[in-house]
Amino acid sequence: MINETERQPESVTDTELTQWMKAALADGQAGVQAGENPFGAAVYLPSGRQIAVAHNTAVSDTNPTAHAEVNAIRIACQSLGNPSLKGCWLLATAQPCPMCFSAALMAGIEHIVFGADQAAVEQAGFGGLGVTSRELAEQCSIDVTLRGSILSEDCTRFLLDNRKDG
């Protein structure tokens, strides 16, 4: 359990979420410059303190599971010395895939915010598994808040400008 849980989720403002998403987007851009796919993610404590920011490293790690969200979750857990991120916020530049969504739930993350939706991910050539994290959230028994549209235009443009096919 994280010590900084005194803040209620409702008290996190859209302005804060926008700033947090900018951190994920900036790291995603750094990843693209390093030859990676255009995805970034960040994990924040309920207090608003950033504990991790990461981008995809699937190309450089030759690891198809090295998505930005999984990398950010791993870094956050290591930083806190705890496998539980209960109460934390995960910001992702695109709607998390089923693997990343599941990893977030396994870590106890209760709030997931994304920029670009699954349609933009597919339009950019990054496909999917035929099920979205929103559909998974409706099916799961774990309480999770999934919210889109934070910096949606910027995140969608980032994906489309860095399409897989070109």
C-alpha atoms as a PDB file:
ATOM      1  CA  MET A   1       0.000   0.000   0.000  1.00  0.00           C
ATOM      2  CA  ILE A   2       1.265   3.439  -0.923  1.00  0.00           C
ATOM      3  CA  ASN A   3       1.495   6.073   1.788  1.00  0.00           C
ATOM      4  CA  GLU A   4       0.260   8.964  -0.324  1.00  0.00           C
ATOM      5  CA  THR A   5      -3.392   7.876  -0.617  1.00  0.00           C
ATOM      6  CA  GLU A   6      -4.953  10.726   1.317  1.00  0.00           C
ATOM      7  CA  ARG A   7      -5.995  12.493  -1.883  1.00  0.00           C
ATOM      8  CA  GLN A   8      -9.306  11.475  -3.444  1.00  0.00           C
ATOM      9  CA  PRO A   9      -9.392  10.595  -7.182  1.00  0.00           C
ATOM     10  CA  GLU A  10     -12.102  13.211  -7.752  1.00  0.00           C
ATOM     11  CA  SER A  11      -9.669  15.918  -6.646  1.00  0.00           C
ATOM     12  CA  VAL A  12      -7.286  15.256  -9.565  1.00  0.00           C
ATOM     13  CA  THR A  13      -8.050  17.956 -12.116  1.00  0.00           C
ATOM     14  CA  ASP A  14      -8.057  17.853 -15.903  1.00  0.00           C
ATOM     15  CA  THR A  15      -5.195  20.350 -15.781  1.00  0.00           C
ATOM     16  CA  GLU A  16      -3.107  17.901 -13.744  1.00  0.00           C
ATOM     17  CA  LEU A  17      -4.017  15.005 -16.030  1.00  0.00           C
ATOM     18  CA  THR A  18      -2.988  17.104 -19.024  1.00  0.00           C
ATOM     19  CA  GLN A  19       0.393  17.854 -17.427  1.00  0.00           C
ATOM     20  CA  TRP A  20       0.889  14.196 -16.561  1.00  0.00           C
ATOM     21  CA  MET A  21      -0.012  13.155 -20.118  1.00  0.00           C
ATOM     22  CA  LYS A  22       2.517  15.663 -21.469  1.00  0.00           C
ATOM     23  CA  ALA A  23       5.228  13.779 -19.545  1.00  0.00           C
ATOM     24  CA  ALA A  24       4.148  10.475 -21.118  1.00  0.00           C
ATOM     25  CA  LEU A  25       4.007  12.065 -24.566  1.00  0.00           C
ATOM     26  CA  ALA A  26       7.467  13.616 -24.197  1.00  0.00           C
ATOM     27  CA  ASP A  27       8.966  10.275 -23.227  1.00  0.00           C
ATOM     28  CA  GLY A  28       7.157   8.599 -26.122  1.00  0.00           C
ATOM     29  CA  GLN A  29       8.735  11.155 -28.441  1.00  0.00           C
ATOM     30  CA  ALA A  30      12.162  10.372 -26.984  1.00  0.00           C
ATOM     31  CA  GLY A  31      11.459   6.720 -27.709  1.00  0.00           C
ATOM     32  CA  VAL A  32      10.639   7.450 -31.349  1.00  0.00           C
ATOM     33  CA  GLN A  33      13.920   9.343 -31.660  1.00  0.00           C
ATOM     34  CA  ALA A  34      15.623   6.176 -30.382  1.00  0.00           C
ATOM     35  CA  GLY A  35      13.868   4.042 -33.020  1.00  0.00           C
ATOM     36  CA  GLU A  36      10.987   2.753 -30.905  1.00  0.00           C
ATOM     37  CA  ASN A  37       7.240   2.652 -31.561  1.00  0.00           C
ATOM     38  CA  PRO A  38       5.339   5.844 -30.630  1.00  0.00           C
ATOM     39  CA  PHE A  39       3.950   5.116 -27.189  1.00  0.00           C
ATOM     40  CA  GLY A  40       4.649   6.670 -23.804  1.00  0.00           C
ATOM     41  CA  ALA A  41       3.324   6.136 -20.283  1.00  0.00           C
ATOM     42  CA  ALA A  42       3.704   7.547 -16.799  1.00  0.00           C
ATOM     43  CA  VAL A  43       2.696   6.475 -13.296  1.00  0.00           C
ATOM     44  CA  TYR A  44       1.746   9.024 -10.648  1.00  0.00           C
ATOM     45  CA  LEU A  45       1.088   8.690  -6.941  1.00  0.00           C
ATOM     46  CA  PRO A  46      -2.258   9.968  -5.648  1.00  0.00           C
ATOM     47  CA  SER A  47      -0.399  13.036  -4.360  1.00  0.00           C
ATOM     48  CA  GLY A  48       0.531  13.949  -7.932  1.00  0.00           C
ATOM     49  CA  ARG A  49       4.187  12.947  -7.652  1.00  0.00           C
ATOM     50  CA  GLN A  50       5.544  11.221 -10.749  1.00  0.00           C
ATOM     51  CA  ILE A  51       7.179   7.899  -9.938  1.00  0.00           C
ATOM     52  CA  ALA A  52       7.793   6.568 -13.434  1.00  0.00           C
ATOM     53  CA  VAL A  53       7.788   7.600 -17.059  1.00  0.00           C
ATOM     54  CA  ALA A  54       8.665   5.286 -19.921  1.00  0.00           C
ATOM     55  CA  HIS A  55       8.345   4.578 -23.612  1.00  0.00           C
ATOM     56  CA  ASN A  56       8.181   1.406 -25.643  1.00  0.00           C
ATOM     57  CA  THR A  57      11.434  -0.525 -25.829  1.00  0.00           C
ATOM     58  CA  ALA A  58      10.123  -3.508 -27.799  1.00  0.00           C
ATOM     59  CA  VAL A  59      12.527  -2.830 -30.687  1.00  0.00           C
ATOM     60  CA  SER A  60      15.729  -2.248 -28.699  1.00  0.00           C
ATOM     61  CA  ASP A  61      14.937  -4.990 -26.167  1.00  0.00           C
ATOM     62  CA  THR A  62      13.713  -7.391 -28.890  1.00  0.00           C
ATOM     63  CA  ASN A  63      10.853  -7.997 -26.497  1.00  0.00           C
ATOM     64  CA  PRO A  64       7.254  -7.700 -27.712  1.00  0.00           C
ATOM     65  CA  THR A  65       6.078  -7.205 -24.112  1.00  0.00           C
ATOM     66  CA  ALA A  66       8.225  -4.095 -23.527  1.00  0.00           C
ATOM     67  CA  HIS A  67       5.328  -1.689 -24.009  1.00  0.00           C
ATOM     68  CA  ALA A  68       5.459   1.771 -22.459  1.00  0.00           C
ATOM     69  CA  GLU A  69       2.836   0.933 -19.835  1.00  0.00           C
ATOM     70  CA  VAL A  70       4.560  -2.291 -18.755  1.00  0.00           C
ATOM     71  CA  ASN A  71       7.896  -0.473 -18.586  1.00  0.00           C
ATOM     72  CA  ALA A  72       6.381   2.354 -16.511  1.00  0.00           C
ATOM     73  CA  ILE A  73       4.720  -0.130 -14.138  1.00  0.00           C
ATOM     74  CA  ARG A  74       7.999  -2.027 -13.682  1.00  0.00           C
ATOM     75  CA  ILE A  75       9.941   1.190 -13.003  1.00  0.00           C
ATOM     76  CA  ALA A  76       7.272   2.431 -10.567  1.00  0.00           C
ATOM     77  CA  CYS A  77       7.243  -0.824  -8.606  1.00  0.00           C
ATOM     78  CA  GLN A  78      11.043  -0.862  -8.436  1.00  0.00           C
ATOM     79  CA  SER A  79      11.128   2.785  -7.399  1.00  0.00           C
ATOM     80  CA  LEU A  80       8.670   2.173  -4.565  1.00  0.00           C
ATOM     81  CA  GLY A  81      10.109  -1.217  -3.656  1.00  0.00           C
ATOM     82  CA  ASN A  82       6.591  -2.607  -3.793  1.00  0.00           C
ATOM     83  CA  PRO A  83       4.677  -4.633  -6.403  1.00  0.00           C
ATOM     84  CA  SER A  84       1.457  -2.829  -5.449  1.00  0.00           C
ATOM     85  CA  LEU A  85       0.592   0.456  -7.115  1.00  0.00           C
ATOM     86  CA  LYS A  86      -2.821   0.659  -5.449  1.00  0.00           C
ATOM     87  CA  GLY A  87      -4.236   4.136  -5.750  1.00  0.00           C
ATOM     88  CA  CYS A  88      -1.818   5.189  -8.500  1.00  0.00           C
ATOM     89  CA  TRP A  89      -2.658   6.702 -11.851  1.00  0.00           C
ATOM     90  CA  LEU A  90      -1.386   5.306 -15.155  1.00  0.00           C
ATOM     91  CA  LEU A  91      -1.287   7.745 -18.064  1.00  0.00           C
ATOM     92  CA  ALA A  92      -0.782   6.292 -21.546  1.00  0.00           C
ATOM     93  CA  THR A  93      -0.547   8.113 -24.851  1.00  0.00           C
ATOM     94  CA  ALA A  94      -2.844   5.483 -26.382  1.00  0.00           C
ATOM     95  CA  GLN A  95      -5.563   3.219 -25.083  1.00  0.00           C
ATOM     96  CA  PRO A  96      -3.717   0.351 -23.404  1.00  0.00           C
ATOM     97  CA  CYS A  97      -3.708  -3.003 -25.158  1.00  0.00           C
ATOM     98  CA  PRO A  98      -5.136  -6.001 -23.253  1.00  0.00           C
ATOM     99  CA  MET A  99      -1.654  -6.967 -21.979  1.00  0.00           C
ATOM    100  CA  CYS A 100      -0.922  -3.498 -20.605  1.00  0.00           C
ATOM    101  CA  PHE A 101      -4.409  -3.122 -19.163  1.00  0.00           C
ATOM    102  CA  SER A 102      -4.044  -6.481 -17.401  1.00  0.00           C
ATOM    103  CA  ALA A 103      -0.583  -5.561 -16.079  1.00  0.00           C
ATOM    104  CA  ALA A 104      -2.010  -2.347 -14.635  1.00  0.00           C
ATOM    105  CA  LEU A 105      -4.778  -4.258 -12.888  1.00  0.00           C
ATOM    106  CA  MET A 106      -2.322  -6.864 -11.582  1.00  0.00           C
ATOM    107  CA  ALA A 107      -0.287  -3.995 -10.077  1.00  0.00           C
ATOM    108  CA  GLY A 108      -3.401  -2.594  -8.399  1.00  0.00           C
ATOM    109  CA  ILE A 109      -3.603   0.572 -10.495  1.00  0.00           C
ATOM    110  CA  GLU A 110      -7.106   1.975 -10.129  1.00  0.00           C
ATOM    111  CA  HIS A 111      -7.037   4.908 -12.543  1.00  0.00           C
ATOM    112  CA  ILE A 112      -6.022   4.590 -16.204  1.00  0.00           C
ATOM    113  CA  VAL A 113      -6.088   7.620 -18.472  1.00  0.00           C
ATOM    114  CA  PHE A 114      -5.249   7.557 -22.166  1.00  0.00           C
ATOM    115  CA  GLY A 115      -4.919   9.975 -25.069  1.00  0.00           C
ATOM    116  CA  ALA A 116      -5.463   8.304 -28.455  1.00  0.00           C
ATOM    117  CA  ASP A 117      -8.213   5.715 -28.736  1.00  0.00           C
ATOM    118  CA  GLN A 118      -7.996   2.231 -30.248  1.00  0.00           C
ATOM    119  CA  ALA A 119      -9.228   3.465 -33.630  1.00  0.00           C
ATOM    120  CA  ALA A 120      -6.197   5.781 -33.872  1.00  0.00           C
ATOM    121  CA  VAL A 121      -3.862   2.952 -32.825  1.00  0.00           C
ATOM    122  CA  GLU A 122      -5.237   0.788 -35.625  1.00  0.00           C
ATOM    123  CA  GLN A 123      -5.169   3.663 -38.145  1.00  0.00           C
ATOM    124  CA  ALA A 124      -1.479   4.151 -37.339  1.00  0.00           C
ATOM    125  CA  GLY A 125      -0.839   0.501 -38.185  1.00  0.00           C
ATOM    126  CA  PHE A 126      -0.327  -0.870 -34.683  1.00  0.00           C
ATOM    127  CA  GLY A 127      -3.356  -3.150 -34.729  1.00  0.00           C
ATOM    128  CA  GLY A 128      -4.931  -4.759 -31.748  1.00  0.00           C
ATOM    129  CA  LEU A 129      -6.268  -8.021 -30.486  1.00  0.00           C
ATOM    130  CA  GLY A 130      -9.922  -7.428 -31.276  1.00  0.00           C
ATOM    131  CA  VAL A 131     -10.808  -6.363 -27.756  1.00  0.00           C
ATOM    132  CA  THR A 132     -10.233  -2.954 -26.206  1.00  0.00           C
ATOM    133  CA  SER A 133      -9.288  -2.108 -22.655  1.00  0.00           C
ATOM    134  CA  ARG A 134     -12.689  -0.438 -22.306  1.00  0.00           C
ATOM    135  CA  GLU A 135     -14.374  -3.752 -23.163  1.00  0.00           C
ATOM    136  CA  LEU A 136     -12.102  -5.561 -20.710  1.00  0.00           C
ATOM    137  CA  ALA A 137     -12.901  -3.024 -17.982  1.00  0.00           C
ATOM    138  CA  GLU A 138     -16.607  -3.771 -18.405  1.00  0.00           C
ATOM    139  CA  GLN A 139     -15.919  -7.499 -17.997  1.00  0.00           C
ATOM    140  CA  CYS A 140     -13.538  -7.489 -15.060  1.00  0.00           C
ATOM    141  CA  SER A 141     -14.425  -7.746 -11.396  1.00  0.00           C
ATOM    142  CA  ILE A 142     -11.727  -5.271 -10.347  1.00  0.00           C
ATOM    143  CA  ASP A 143     -12.670  -1.650  -9.743  1.00  0.00           C
ATOM    144  CA  VAL A 144     -10.868   0.494 -12.319  1.00  0.00           C
ATOM    145  CA  THR A 145     -11.531   3.911 -13.780  1.00  0.00           C
ATOM    146  CA  LEU A 146     -10.674   4.090 -17.489  1.00  0.00           C
ATOM    147  CA  ARG A 147     -10.782   7.519 -19.047  1.00  0.00           C
ATOM    148  CA  GLY A 148      -9.896   8.700 -22.520  1.00  0.00           C
ATOM    149  CA  SER A 149      -9.608  12.040 -24.254  1.00  0.00           C
ATOM    150  CA  ILE A 150      -6.755  13.666 -22.325  1.00  0.00           C
ATOM    151  CA  LEU A 151      -4.620  15.354 -25.004  1.00  0.00           C
ATOM    152  CA  SER A 152      -6.426  13.138 -27.497  1.00  0.00           C
ATOM    153  CA  GLU A 153      -5.579  15.276 -30.535  1.00  0.00           C
ATOM    154  CA  ASP A 154      -1.884  15.525 -29.644  1.00  0.00           C
ATOM    155  CA  CYS A 155      -1.589  11.814 -28.889  1.00  0.00           C
ATOM    156  CA  THR A 156      -3.462  10.820 -32.068  1.00  0.00           C
ATOM    157  CA  ARG A 157      -1.292  13.123 -34.175  1.00  0.00           C
ATOM    158  CA  PHE A 158       1.813  11.632 -32.527  1.00  0.00           C
ATOM    159  CA  LEU A 159       0.704   8.127 -33.488  1.00  0.00           C
ATOM    160  CA  LEU A 160      -0.276   9.043 -37.033  1.00  0.00           C
ATOM    161  CA  ASP A 161       2.922  11.027 -37.631  1.00  0.00           C
ATOM    162  CA  ASN A 162       4.884   7.926 -36.627  1.00  0.00           C
ATOM    163  CA  ARG A 163       2.876   5.250 -38.407  1.00  0.00           C
ATOM    164  CA  LYS A 164       4.192   1.739 -38.407  1.00  0.00           C
ATOM    165  CA  ASP A 165       4.050   1.637 -42.215  1.00  0.00           C
ATOM    166  CA  GLY A 166       5.896   4.786 -42.812  1.00  0.00           C
END
